Amino acid sequence: MQLTGIHHLTTVTARVTENQAFYTQVLGLRLVKITVNQDDVSAYHLFYADGAASPGTDLTFFD
């Protein structure tokens, strides 16, 4: 198998509202989807990417 790059990064945030404002308004990423964490349905899972869905721009957060 040949690895050609990073698919996405996942991290944790304690401030969902500020997180969304920063990544969409400051960095210009698109909020692709908001779901619940499959392991903990009381937590959100936010998905960001650029408008063209370019490889390596996927970024997700758990709250």
Protein backbone atom coordinates (compact mmCIF):
# COMPACT_ATOMS: atom_id res chain seq x y z
CA MET A 1 0.00 0.00 0.00
CA GLN A 2 1.28 3.44 -0.90
CA LEU A 3 0.27 6.34 1.33
CA THR A 4 -0.16 9.60 -0.57
CA GLY A 5 -1.24 11.96 2.20
CA ILE A 6 -3.46 12.62 5.17
CA HIS A 7 -7.19 12.00 4.72
CA HIS A 8 -8.34 14.07 7.69
CA LEU A 9 -7.49 15.17 11.20
CA THR A 10 -9.75 14.81 14.22
CA THR A 11 -9.44 16.69 17.48
CA VAL A 12 -11.54 17.85 20.43
CA THR A 13 -13.07 21.24 21.21
CA ALA A 14 -14.74 22.57 24.34
CA ARG A 15 -16.26 25.56 22.51
CA VAL A 16 -18.39 24.46 19.55
CA THR A 17 -19.74 27.94 18.74
CA GLU A 18 -16.30 29.57 18.72
CA ASN A 19 -14.86 26.60 16.84
CA GLN A 20 -17.44 26.93 14.07
CA ALA A 21 -16.94 30.71 13.82
CA PHE A 22 -13.15 30.36 13.58
CA TYR A 23 -13.02 27.60 10.98
CA THR A 24 -15.79 29.01 8.77
CA GLN A 25 -15.39 32.79 9.12
CA VAL A 26 -11.65 33.15 9.75
CA LEU A 27 -10.19 30.22 7.82
CA GLY A 28 -12.96 30.03 5.22
CA LEU A 29 -13.63 26.32 5.51
CA ARG A 30 -17.10 24.95 4.85
CA LEU A 31 -19.02 23.23 7.65
CA VAL A 32 -19.88 20.05 5.77
CA LYS A 33 -21.88 18.20 8.39
CA ILE A 34 -22.78 18.09 12.09
CA THR A 35 -23.62 14.70 13.55
CA VAL A 36 -23.49 13.12 16.97
CA ASN A 37 -20.51 11.13 18.17
CA GLN A 38 -21.36 7.47 17.57
CA ASP A 39 -19.60 6.49 20.79
CA ASP A 40 -21.28 9.21 22.89
CA VAL A 41 -24.54 10.54 21.44
CA SER A 42 -24.49 13.48 23.84
CA ALA A 43 -21.47 14.93 21.96
CA TYR A 44 -21.37 16.60 18.55
CA HIS A 45 -19.07 15.67 15.67
CA LEU A 46 -18.35 18.62 13.32
CA PHE A 47 -16.91 18.11 9.82
CA TYR A 48 -15.12 20.88 7.87
CA ALA A 49 -13.52 20.96 4.41
CA ASP A 50 -12.73 23.50 1.73
CA GLY A 51 -15.39 24.30 -0.89
CA ALA A 52 -13.83 21.98 -3.48
CA ALA A 53 -13.35 19.05 -1.08
CA SER A 54 -9.64 19.10 -1.86
CA PRO A 55 -7.60 16.18 -0.47
CA GLY A 56 -6.12 16.97 2.92
CA THR A 57 -8.59 19.69 3.86
CA ASP A 58 -10.96 17.49 5.90
CA LEU A 59 -10.94 18.40 9.58
CA THR A 60 -13.31 17.05 12.24
CA PHE A 61 -13.96 17.93 15.88
CA PHE A 62 -15.65 16.21 18.79
CA ASP A 63 -17.02 18.43 21.55
